[in-house]
Protein backbone atom coordinates (compact mmCIF):
# COMPACT_ATOMS: atom_id res chain seq x y z
CA MET A 1 30.36 -26.34 -25.75
CA ARG A 2 27.55 -24.02 -24.74
CA LEU A 3 26.46 -24.58 -21.14
CA ASP A 4 23.01 -23.00 -21.11
CA PHE A 5 21.36 -26.38 -20.52
CA ILE A 6 23.08 -26.89 -17.13
CA ARG A 7 22.23 -23.46 -15.68
CA PRO A 8 19.20 -24.82 -13.77
CA LEU A 9 21.69 -26.71 -11.60
CA TYR A 10 23.05 -23.42 -10.30
CA GLU A 11 19.79 -21.56 -9.98
CA ARG A 12 19.00 -23.42 -6.76
CA PRO A 13 21.24 -24.03 -3.75
CA GLY A 14 22.99 -27.32 -3.06
CA PRO A 15 24.27 -29.57 -1.79
CA TYR A 16 23.84 -31.97 -4.68
CA ALA A 17 23.83 -35.71 -5.11
CA SER A 18 25.74 -36.60 -8.29
CA VAL A 19 25.24 -40.18 -9.45
CA TYR A 20 26.80 -41.97 -12.44
CA LEU A 21 25.28 -45.37 -13.20
CA ALA A 22 26.28 -48.16 -15.54
CA GLY A 23 22.98 -49.57 -16.79
CA PRO A 24 19.59 -49.68 -15.04
CA GLU A 25 20.02 -50.59 -11.42
CA GLY A 26 18.55 -53.59 -9.70
CA GLU A 27 17.09 -53.05 -6.26
CA ALA A 28 20.02 -54.60 -4.39
CA HIS A 29 22.69 -52.62 -6.24
CA TRP A 30 20.75 -49.38 -5.91
CA ARG A 31 20.51 -49.91 -2.12
CA GLU A 32 24.30 -50.22 -2.03
CA LEU A 33 24.73 -46.96 -3.94
CA ARG A 34 22.03 -45.28 -1.89
CA ASP A 35 23.84 -46.18 1.33
CA ARG A 36 26.90 -44.32 0.04
CA LEU A 37 24.77 -41.13 -0.03
CA SER A 38 24.06 -41.21 3.68
CA GLU A 39 24.16 -37.41 3.94
CA ALA A 40 21.37 -36.94 1.39
CA ASP A 41 17.80 -36.45 2.55
CA PRO A 42 15.27 -39.27 1.94
CA HIS A 43 13.21 -37.27 -0.58
CA THR A 44 16.27 -36.70 -2.77
CA LEU A 45 17.20 -40.38 -2.58
CA ASP A 46 13.65 -41.41 -3.52
CA ALA A 47 13.71 -39.08 -6.54
CA LEU A 48 17.03 -40.57 -7.65
CA GLU A 49 15.70 -44.11 -7.29
CA LYS A 50 12.82 -43.42 -9.69
CA GLU A 51 15.30 -42.20 -12.29
CA ALA A 52 17.88 -44.93 -11.65
CA ILE A 53 15.62 -47.80 -12.65
CA GLN A 54 14.92 -46.37 -16.12
CA PRO A 55 16.48 -48.44 -18.95
CA ALA A 56 19.75 -47.05 -20.28
CA ALA A 57 23.29 -48.28 -20.85
CA GLY A 58 24.54 -45.45 -18.68
CA ARG A 59 23.05 -42.53 -16.81
CA ALA A 60 24.11 -39.37 -14.98
CA MET A 61 21.76 -37.78 -12.42
CA PHE A 62 21.99 -34.64 -10.32
CA ALA A 63 19.50 -34.09 -7.51
CA ALA A 64 18.90 -31.69 -4.64
CA HIS A 65 16.08 -30.98 -2.19
CA GLY A 66 13.93 -33.89 -3.32
CA GLU A 67 14.19 -33.25 -7.07
CA VAL A 68 16.28 -34.62 -9.91
CA VAL A 69 17.28 -31.35 -11.56
CA LEU A 70 19.14 -32.90 -14.51
CA ALA A 71 19.42 -36.46 -15.81
CA GLU A 72 20.97 -37.77 -18.98
CA ALA A 73 21.23 -41.20 -20.55
CA PHE A 74 24.27 -42.45 -22.43
CA MET A 75 24.77 -45.16 -25.03
CA GLY A 76 27.75 -46.52 -23.08
CA PRO A 77 28.37 -47.07 -19.38
CA PRO A 78 30.23 -44.39 -17.39
CA VAL A 79 32.53 -45.09 -14.46
CA GLU A 80 30.11 -45.54 -11.58
CA SER A 81 30.30 -43.02 -8.77
CA VAL A 82 28.14 -41.26 -6.21
CA GLU A 83 29.00 -37.99 -4.53
CA TRP A 84 27.40 -35.52 -2.11
CA SER A 85 28.96 -32.09 -2.55
CA PRO A 86 28.20 -28.35 -2.56
CA LEU A 87 28.11 -28.28 -6.38
CA PRO A 88 27.09 -31.02 -8.82
CA ARG A 89 30.03 -33.00 -10.14
CA ILE A 90 29.19 -32.23 -13.74
CA ALA A 91 32.55 -32.43 -15.59
CA PRO A 92 32.47 -36.22 -16.19
CA MET A 93 29.03 -35.93 -17.78
CA LEU A 94 30.18 -33.12 -20.06
CA MET A 95 33.15 -35.19 -21.18
CA LEU A 96 30.99 -38.26 -21.80
CA ARG A 97 28.32 -36.47 -23.83
CA GLY A 98 30.74 -34.84 -26.26
CA GLU A 99 30.88 -31.29 -27.49
CA ASN A 100 28.06 -30.04 -29.63
CA VAL A 101 26.86 -26.87 -31.28
CA PRO A 102 23.35 -25.77 -32.22
CA HIS A 103 22.98 -26.75 -35.88
CA LEU A 104 20.55 -27.69 -38.62
CA ARG A 105 20.85 -30.87 -40.65
CA VAL A 106 19.24 -30.50 -44.07
CA ILE A 107 18.91 -33.29 -46.63
CA VAL A 108 17.23 -32.65 -49.96
CA ASP A 109 16.13 -34.64 -52.98
CA GLN A 110 13.65 -34.22 -55.81
CA ALA A 111 10.79 -35.10 -53.46
CA GLY A 112 11.44 -32.60 -50.70
CA ALA A 113 13.66 -31.30 -47.94
CA GLU A 114 14.03 -32.61 -44.41
CA LEU A 115 15.33 -30.41 -41.61
CA THR A 116 16.58 -31.63 -38.24
CA ALA A 117 17.37 -29.09 -35.53
CA VAL A 118 19.95 -30.15 -32.97
CA GLY A 119 20.22 -27.93 -29.91
CA GLY A 120 23.50 -27.16 -28.24
CA GLY A 121 22.24 -28.97 -25.14
CA SER A 122 21.82 -32.27 -26.97
CA PRO A 123 24.32 -35.07 -26.41
CA ARG A 124 26.41 -36.09 -29.40
CA LYS A 125 25.38 -39.13 -31.40
CA ALA A 126 21.83 -39.04 -30.10
CA THR A 127 19.14 -41.08 -31.79
CA ASP A 128 16.64 -39.07 -33.80
CA SER A 129 13.29 -40.55 -32.91
CA ALA A 130 11.07 -37.56 -33.68
CA SER A 131 8.03 -38.35 -35.79
CA THR A 132 5.83 -35.29 -35.50
CA TRP A 133 5.83 -32.09 -37.50
CA PRO A 134 6.41 -29.16 -37.72
CA LEU A 135 9.80 -28.39 -36.25
CA GLN A 136 9.78 -27.18 -32.65
CA LYS A 137 12.66 -26.18 -30.44
CA THR A 138 12.88 -28.23 -27.28
CA ALA A 139 13.36 -26.51 -23.93
CA ARG A 140 16.91 -27.75 -23.30
CA GLY A 141 18.00 -28.36 -26.85
CA GLY A 142 17.09 -31.50 -28.72
CA TRP A 143 15.92 -33.21 -31.84
CA SER A 144 12.95 -31.94 -33.82
CA ARG A 145 12.22 -32.23 -37.50
CA VAL A 146 10.21 -30.81 -40.33
CA ARG A 147 9.69 -32.28 -43.78
CA TYR A 148 8.32 -30.64 -46.89
CA GLU A 149 7.35 -33.36 -49.30
CA ASP A 150 4.43 -32.79 -51.68
CA GLY A 151 5.79 -34.51 -54.75
CA ALA A 152 7.98 -31.64 -55.94
CA TYR A 153 10.96 -29.96 -54.36
CA ASP A 154 10.45 -26.22 -53.78
CA ALA A 155 13.89 -24.71 -53.13
CA VAL A 156 12.45 -21.29 -52.28
CA VAL A 157 10.21 -22.72 -49.57
CA ALA A 158 13.01 -24.89 -48.16
CA ALA A 159 15.50 -22.00 -48.16
CA HIS A 160 12.99 -19.76 -46.39
CA GLU A 161 12.53 -22.39 -43.68
CA VAL A 162 16.30 -22.79 -43.22
CA ASP A 163 16.72 -19.00 -42.97
CA GLU A 164 13.91 -18.81 -40.42
CA GLN A 165 15.35 -21.57 -38.23
CA VAL A 166 18.86 -20.06 -38.36
CA ARG A 167 17.36 -16.77 -37.17
CA ARG A 168 15.05 -18.26 -34.55
CA LEU A 169 17.29 -20.93 -33.05
CA GLY A 170 20.63 -19.16 -33.34
CA VAL A 171 22.30 -22.16 -35.03
CA GLU A 172 25.99 -21.99 -35.81
CA LEU A 173 26.09 -24.56 -38.62
CA VAL A 174 23.83 -25.71 -41.45
CA VAL A 175 24.91 -29.21 -42.54
CA VAL A 176 23.53 -29.86 -46.04
CA ALA A 177 23.44 -33.15 -47.96
CA GLY A 178 21.41 -34.85 -50.66
CA GLU A 179 21.12 -34.90 -54.45
CA PRO A 180 23.44 -32.42 -56.17
CA ARG A 181 20.91 -30.29 -58.08
CA PRO A 182 18.31 -29.81 -55.29
CA ARG A 183 21.17 -29.14 -52.88
CA SER A 184 22.64 -26.50 -55.18
CA LEU A 185 19.24 -24.86 -55.68
CA LEU A 186 18.75 -24.65 -51.93
CA CYS A 187 22.17 -23.10 -51.24
CA ASP A 188 21.73 -20.54 -54.03
CA ARG A 189 18.53 -19.27 -52.36
CA LEU A 190 19.73 -19.05 -48.78
CA GLY A 191 20.10 -15.69 -47.09
CA THR A 192 23.57 -14.46 -46.22
CA LYS A 193 23.43 -15.47 -42.56
CA ALA A 194 22.46 -19.08 -43.33
CA ALA A 195 24.75 -19.34 -46.37
CA ASP A 196 27.76 -18.33 -44.26
CA ARG A 197 27.03 -21.28 -41.95
CA VAL A 198 26.70 -24.01 -44.59
CA LEU A 199 28.85 -27.12 -44.20
CA MET A 200 28.38 -29.41 -47.20
CA VAL A 201 28.27 -33.21 -46.90
CA GLU A 202 29.05 -34.26 -50.44
CA HIS A 203 27.70 -37.81 -50.50
CA GLY A 204 24.98 -37.78 -47.89
CA THR A 205 21.92 -39.97 -48.37
CA HIS A 206 19.02 -40.62 -46.03
CA ALA A 207 20.61 -43.94 -45.09
CA ASP A 208 23.99 -42.54 -44.00
CA PHE A 209 23.28 -38.86 -43.35
CA ALA A 210 23.45 -39.11 -39.55
CA ARG A 211 26.90 -40.73 -39.75
CA ASP A 212 28.15 -38.23 -42.35
CA ALA A 213 26.79 -35.29 -40.37
CA GLU A 214 28.58 -36.49 -37.23
CA THR A 215 31.83 -36.80 -39.17
CA ALA A 216 31.44 -33.30 -40.59
CA LEU A 217 30.62 -31.92 -37.15
CA ASP A 218 33.69 -33.61 -35.66
CA GLY A 219 35.85 -31.89 -38.26
CA TRP A 220 34.27 -28.50 -37.57
CA LEU A 221 34.73 -28.93 -33.82
CA ASP A 222 38.40 -29.88 -34.28
CA ARG A 223 38.98 -26.75 -36.35
CA ARG A 224 37.12 -24.59 -33.84
CA ARG A 225 39.17 -26.01 -30.94
CA ALA A 226 42.39 -25.35 -32.86
CA GLU A 227 41.30 -21.75 -33.54
CA LEU A 228 40.63 -21.16 -29.85
CA LEU A 229 44.02 -22.58 -28.90
CA GLU A 230 45.69 -20.30 -31.47
CA ARG A 231 43.82 -17.29 -30.06
CA TYR A 232 44.92 -18.19 -26.55
CA GLU A 233 48.56 -18.61 -27.57
CA ALA A 234 48.57 -15.40 -29.64
CA THR A 235 47.27 -13.31 -26.75
CA ALA A 236 49.01 -15.12 -23.88
CA GLY A 237 45.66 -15.40 -22.15
CA PRO A 238 44.87 -16.37 -18.55
CA ARG A 239 46.37 -19.65 -17.38
CA GLY A 240 45.81 -21.56 -14.17
CA LEU A 241 42.94 -21.43 -11.72
CA THR A 242 43.81 -18.04 -10.24
CA GLN A 243 44.01 -16.20 -13.57
CA VAL A 244 41.12 -18.05 -15.21
CA GLY A 245 38.97 -17.46 -12.13
CA ARG A 246 39.72 -13.73 -12.32
CA ALA A 247 38.78 -13.62 -16.02
CA LEU A 248 35.48 -15.38 -15.24
CA ARG A 249 34.69 -12.98 -12.36
CA GLU A 250 35.34 -10.01 -14.62
CA GLY A 251 33.15 -11.45 -17.40
CA ARG A 252 36.09 -11.48 -19.82
CA ALA A 253 36.24 -15.22 -20.53
CA HIS A 254 34.86 -16.06 -23.97
CA ALA A 255 35.91 -19.72 -23.67
CA VAL A 256 37.47 -21.90 -20.99
CA LEU A 257 39.73 -24.71 -22.20
CA MET A 258 40.29 -27.59 -19.77
CA PRO A 259 42.65 -30.58 -20.14
CA GLY A 260 40.00 -32.80 -18.55
CA GLU A 261 38.78 -33.15 -14.99
CA LEU A 262 40.42 -30.91 -12.39
CA ALA A 263 40.34 -32.87 -9.15
CA GLU A 264 42.31 -30.44 -7.00
CA GLU A 265 40.47 -28.75 -4.16
CA ILE A 266 39.81 -25.01 -4.18
CA TRP A 267 37.49 -22.69 -2.23
CA ILE A 268 34.12 -21.37 -3.34
CA GLY A 269 31.40 -19.04 -2.11
CA PRO A 270 27.69 -18.86 -2.94
CA GLY A 271 28.27 -16.52 -5.88
CA SER A 272 28.72 -18.25 -9.22
CA THR A 273 32.18 -16.76 -9.85
CA GLN A 274 33.47 -16.94 -6.28
CA LEU A 275 36.32 -19.42 -6.63
CA SER A 276 39.94 -19.30 -5.64
CA PRO A 277 42.75 -21.61 -4.51
CA ASP A 278 43.26 -19.09 -1.66
CA ARG A 279 40.64 -19.29 1.12
CA SER A 280 41.61 -15.88 2.51
CA GLU A 281 40.86 -14.29 -0.86
CA LEU A 282 37.20 -15.29 -0.60
CA ARG A 283 37.09 -13.82 2.91
CA ARG A 284 38.36 -10.52 1.51
CA TRP A 285 35.44 -10.62 -0.95
CA GLY A 286 33.02 -10.87 1.97
CA VAL A 287 32.39 -14.64 1.87
CA GLU A 288 31.92 -15.50 5.54
CA HIS A 289 32.15 -19.27 5.18
CA PRO A 290 34.16 -20.44 2.13
CA VAL A 291 33.72 -24.15 1.45
CA PRO A 292 36.07 -26.59 -0.32
CA GLU A 293 35.07 -27.96 -3.72
CA ARG A 294 36.57 -29.64 -6.77
CA ALA A 295 38.18 -27.15 -9.14
CA ASP A 296 36.39 -28.51 -12.23
CA SER A 297 32.94 -28.19 -10.60
CA ALA A 298 33.65 -24.58 -9.64
CA VAL A 299 35.05 -23.62 -13.06
CA VAL A 300 32.10 -25.18 -14.91
CA ARG A 301 29.62 -23.28 -12.72
CA ALA A 302 31.40 -19.99 -13.36
CA ALA A 303 31.57 -20.64 -17.11
CA ALA A 304 27.89 -21.59 -17.32
CA MET A 305 26.71 -18.53 -15.41
CA THR A 306 28.89 -16.05 -17.33
CA ASP A 307 27.95 -17.38 -20.79
CA ALA A 308 31.46 -18.69 -21.51
CA GLU A 309 32.02 -21.71 -23.74
CA LEU A 310 33.73 -24.81 -22.37
CA TRP A 311 36.10 -26.96 -24.40
CA PHE A 312 38.10 -30.03 -23.42
CA CYS A 313 41.64 -30.07 -24.83
CA PRO A 314 43.57 -33.13 -23.59
CA ASP A 315 46.91 -31.76 -24.84
CA LEU A 316 46.79 -28.83 -22.41
CA ALA A 317 48.66 -29.09 -19.12
CA ASP A 318 46.44 -26.61 -17.26
CA VAL A 319 43.13 -24.77 -17.54
CA VAL A 320 43.31 -21.65 -19.74
CA ALA A 321 40.89 -19.02 -21.03
CA VAL A 322 40.34 -17.14 -24.28
CA VAL A 323 39.26 -13.60 -23.39
CA ARG A 324 36.55 -11.55 -25.05
CA TYR A 325 38.67 -8.40 -25.22
């Protein structure tokens, strides 16, 4: 999982209010939750209230200094919680939303080609409700579409558009479905970079393409996770908070693999990679006032700000890292 979309959380100081809601909140229930955030300032609580009453089956919100910095809706309810802490408690949201990669979904038939760009910051199994053209990349990753349909399929035009979006958006996968001949014509005309990223969905139709694309993406993600685990095991990479923290500070962590939430308490400083189970270690780095924080919140911040990927691997017993070199 790329973490670019959560960087704004760390580009301003905390503390943060982290709120997980199950469904839109009625006034009475919201007052109860609000009372549990007694340390938060009134402006931050007011900003959260405006977001909390929006319709959704579930919602995660992160606010500081009178502003909701990040909010995300879910199709199912999360475990409700509220927390006031130095860093946003972001790990539960990342686990709920599912891993994703920037990719294109392309479906073709004799009438035309339809492209859907899905940014790495988009939650899995989102609903594609875009209805305007042409394709545009959203600021934090999202759904946008473009359709070429003028009565005749032009494979050259469609392939050029796919190549351009692969170049411009930095997508890692091109999921292709549709009628066999138009699909084959498209793939034959793709440039090398796009062609190397093609993942074919053999029986995709407009009616079931979203489901088939999700299934194909799940398979790709499983293979990618297995590859990272093999790389870690082959190189005996960093393991545990001390070693993984060191790899993050040195900018060597290509990917961090976590078994899930890490609730244990460690120490952090204001710098994005200042984390250690040993308080005295932060003092040696010049941190005058180390503060306690959840290990998962600290690791996610360090990964996001050092451009490391984050993957959840439930079979692991501890946090590990795959190094760049």
